[in-house]
């Protein structure tokens, strides 16, 4: 496990990362976690006293990585851009699992399941995490239905979300 202090940052205009809130993981710390690695990998640890797992460190191209802090994380730690954060990180070797309810519903729709299985694992996880992030049972159910419907029409996660916003 590595420990360091970081300041919470936010991207201004930087392509797809515009508006993201994050902490930077310097190259030497990333290399201490996973020597020789230049690709995204999952970590677990603590941000101040808040524990997390299964979160990706994303490479920035200069040897450093970023740990993205979405709204739920920022709310949990009670901090925003400019705040100082105590960070503890370790490699998380546990493989993320696809939501069981999604898999059960996909089993009833062979076309959707076939397309789902052609997607890269990271894309399958987008669907699963989105479904699991639902706060209420009706939202959870609605998201499964949306996912199965989109997958049966050979739509990826991004396409499904864009279609949902257009409605």
Protein backbone atom coordinates (compact mmCIF):
# COMPACT_ATOMS: atom_id res chain seq x y z
CA UNK A 1 0.00 0.00 0.00
CA UNK A 2 1.17 3.52 -0.79
CA UNK A 3 0.16 6.71 1.01
CA UNK A 4 0.41 10.32 -0.10
CA UNK A 5 -1.35 13.65 0.13
CA UNK A 6 -3.00 15.13 -2.96
CA UNK A 7 -4.93 18.23 -3.90
CA UNK A 8 -8.27 17.64 -5.62
CA UNK A 9 -8.15 19.03 -9.17
CA UNK A 10 -10.64 19.56 -11.97
CA UNK A 11 -10.02 19.51 -15.72
CA UNK A 12 -11.10 22.60 -17.58
CA UNK A 13 -11.34 21.90 -21.33
CA UNK A 14 -9.48 18.68 -22.11
CA UNK A 15 -11.49 16.67 -24.62
CA UNK A 16 -13.48 13.84 -23.09
CA UNK A 17 -12.11 14.61 -19.62
CA UNK A 18 -13.58 18.15 -19.52
CA UNK A 19 -15.09 18.82 -16.12
CA UNK A 20 -13.72 15.67 -14.43
CA UNK A 21 -12.68 16.02 -10.79
CA UNK A 22 -9.66 13.90 -9.85
CA UNK A 23 -6.49 13.44 -7.85
CA UNK A 24 -3.21 12.92 -9.63
CA UNK A 25 -1.15 9.86 -8.77
CA UNK A 26 2.49 10.70 -9.55
CA UNK A 27 4.44 8.29 -11.77
CA UNK A 28 6.73 7.10 -8.97
CA UNK A 29 3.77 6.18 -6.77
CA UNK A 30 1.97 4.41 -9.64
CA UNK A 31 5.16 2.47 -10.37
CA UNK A 32 5.43 1.48 -6.69
CA UNK A 33 1.93 0.00 -7.00
CA UNK A 34 2.39 -1.75 -10.34
CA UNK A 35 5.97 -1.64 -11.66
CA UNK A 36 6.35 -1.27 -15.43
CA UNK A 37 2.64 -0.74 -15.98
CA UNK A 38 1.40 1.99 -18.33
CA UNK A 39 -2.24 0.89 -18.65
CA UNK A 40 -5.29 1.52 -16.47
CA UNK A 41 -5.61 -0.74 -13.44
CA UNK A 42 -7.92 -1.12 -10.48
CA UNK A 43 -7.11 0.03 -6.98
CA UNK A 44 -8.64 -0.04 -3.51
CA UNK A 45 -7.86 2.05 -0.48
CA UNK A 46 -8.99 5.13 1.41
CA UNK A 47 -9.57 8.77 0.64
CA UNK A 48 -9.20 10.33 4.08
CA UNK A 49 -11.30 7.86 6.13
CA UNK A 50 -13.63 6.77 3.28
CA UNK A 51 -12.83 3.26 1.97
CA UNK A 52 -13.32 2.22 -1.66
CA UNK A 53 -12.45 -0.64 -4.01
CA UNK A 54 -12.59 -1.57 -7.68
CA UNK A 55 -11.78 1.93 -8.93
CA UNK A 56 -9.60 2.47 -11.99
CA UNK A 57 -6.42 4.51 -12.12
CA UNK A 58 -6.26 6.04 -15.60
CA UNK A 59 -2.94 6.76 -17.35
CA UNK A 60 -2.20 10.34 -18.41
CA UNK A 61 0.59 9.54 -20.89
CA UNK A 62 3.40 11.17 -18.92
CA UNK A 63 3.75 8.26 -16.48
CA UNK A 64 1.29 9.72 -13.98
CA UNK A 65 -2.23 8.42 -13.43
CA UNK A 66 -5.47 9.97 -12.22
CA UNK A 67 -8.10 8.71 -9.81
CA UNK A 68 -11.43 10.19 -10.88
CA UNK A 69 -13.69 11.47 -8.09
CA UNK A 70 -17.28 11.35 -9.28
CA UNK A 71 -20.11 13.17 -7.50
CA UNK A 72 -20.88 10.21 -5.21
CA UNK A 73 -17.24 10.02 -4.09
CA UNK A 74 -17.01 13.79 -3.53
CA UNK A 75 -20.17 13.65 -1.45
CA UNK A 76 -18.84 10.70 0.59
CA UNK A 77 -15.55 12.48 1.38
CA UNK A 78 -17.16 15.91 1.76
CA UNK A 79 -14.55 17.68 -0.35
CA UNK A 80 -14.27 19.42 -3.70
CA UNK A 81 -11.70 21.04 -6.00
CA UNK A 82 -8.78 22.59 -4.14
CA UNK A 83 -9.15 20.50 -0.97
CA UNK A 84 -6.27 18.38 0.31
CA UNK A 85 -6.89 14.66 0.62
CA UNK A 86 -5.00 11.85 2.34
CA UNK A 87 -4.80 9.00 -0.20
CA UNK A 88 -4.03 5.34 0.53
CA UNK A 89 -3.87 2.98 -2.46
CA UNK A 90 -3.23 -0.70 -3.13
CA UNK A 91 -3.74 -2.79 -6.27
CA UNK A 92 -7.22 -4.36 -6.27
CA UNK A 93 -6.79 -7.84 -7.75
CA UNK A 94 -10.47 -8.76 -7.36
CA UNK A 95 -12.13 -9.03 -10.77
CA UNK A 96 -15.32 -6.94 -11.05
CA UNK A 97 -18.47 -8.96 -11.65
CA UNK A 98 -21.40 -8.27 -13.95
CA UNK A 99 -24.66 -7.64 -12.12
CA UNK A 100 -26.50 -10.96 -11.65
CA UNK A 101 -29.96 -9.51 -12.37
CA UNK A 102 -28.71 -8.10 -15.69
CA UNK A 103 -27.24 -11.49 -16.67
CA UNK A 104 -30.49 -13.22 -15.71
CA UNK A 105 -32.52 -10.88 -17.93
CA UNK A 106 -30.05 -11.18 -20.79
CA UNK A 107 -30.41 -14.98 -20.62
CA UNK A 108 -34.05 -14.49 -21.68
CA UNK A 109 -32.99 -12.38 -24.70
CA UNK A 110 -30.43 -14.39 -26.73
CA UNK A 111 -29.83 -11.61 -29.28
CA UNK A 112 -29.06 -9.10 -26.52
CA UNK A 113 -26.85 -11.61 -24.70
CA UNK A 114 -24.93 -12.45 -27.88
CA UNK A 115 -24.20 -8.78 -28.54
CA UNK A 116 -23.34 -8.14 -24.88
CA UNK A 117 -20.77 -10.95 -25.01
CA UNK A 118 -19.06 -9.35 -28.04
CA UNK A 119 -18.38 -6.16 -26.08
CA UNK A 120 -15.05 -5.64 -24.32
CA UNK A 121 -15.23 -6.43 -20.61
CA UNK A 122 -14.85 -2.76 -19.71
CA UNK A 123 -17.93 -1.91 -21.81
CA UNK A 124 -19.95 -4.71 -20.21
CA UNK A 125 -18.98 -3.26 -16.84
CA UNK A 126 -20.31 0.18 -17.86
CA UNK A 127 -23.79 -1.34 -18.13
CA UNK A 128 -23.42 -3.26 -14.87
CA UNK A 129 -22.13 -0.32 -12.81
CA UNK A 130 -24.78 2.00 -14.19
CA UNK A 131 -27.50 -0.46 -13.20
CA UNK A 132 -26.00 -0.98 -9.74
CA UNK A 133 -25.77 2.76 -9.12
CA UNK A 134 -29.56 3.07 -9.17
CA UNK A 135 -30.81 4.39 -5.82
CA UNK A 136 -34.31 2.95 -6.01
CA UNK A 137 -35.75 -0.38 -7.07
CA UNK A 138 -37.91 1.18 -9.84
CA UNK A 139 -34.82 2.90 -11.30
CA UNK A 140 -32.83 -0.35 -11.05
CA UNK A 141 -35.57 -2.21 -12.95
CA UNK A 142 -35.91 0.56 -15.55
CA UNK A 143 -32.17 0.53 -16.20
CA UNK A 144 -32.09 -3.24 -16.73
CA UNK A 145 -34.95 -2.93 -19.21
CA UNK A 146 -33.18 -0.09 -21.03
CA UNK A 147 -29.93 -2.06 -21.19
CA UNK A 148 -31.53 -5.24 -22.51
CA UNK A 149 -33.54 -3.25 -25.07
CA UNK A 150 -30.44 -1.38 -26.27
CA UNK A 151 -28.29 -4.52 -26.41
CA UNK A 152 -30.95 -6.35 -28.41
CA UNK A 153 -30.55 -3.54 -30.98
CA UNK A 154 -26.72 -3.83 -30.96
CA UNK A 155 -26.27 -0.55 -29.10
CA UNK A 156 -23.37 0.15 -26.80
CA UNK A 157 -23.56 1.94 -23.47
CA UNK A 158 -22.87 5.43 -24.86
CA UNK A 159 -25.39 5.01 -27.67
CA UNK A 160 -28.02 3.87 -25.18
CA UNK A 161 -27.46 6.90 -22.94
CA UNK A 162 -27.54 9.33 -25.88
CA UNK A 163 -30.78 7.80 -27.12
CA UNK A 164 -32.27 8.11 -23.61
CA UNK A 165 -31.40 11.83 -23.47
CA UNK A 166 -32.94 12.41 -26.90
CA UNK A 167 -36.30 11.04 -25.79
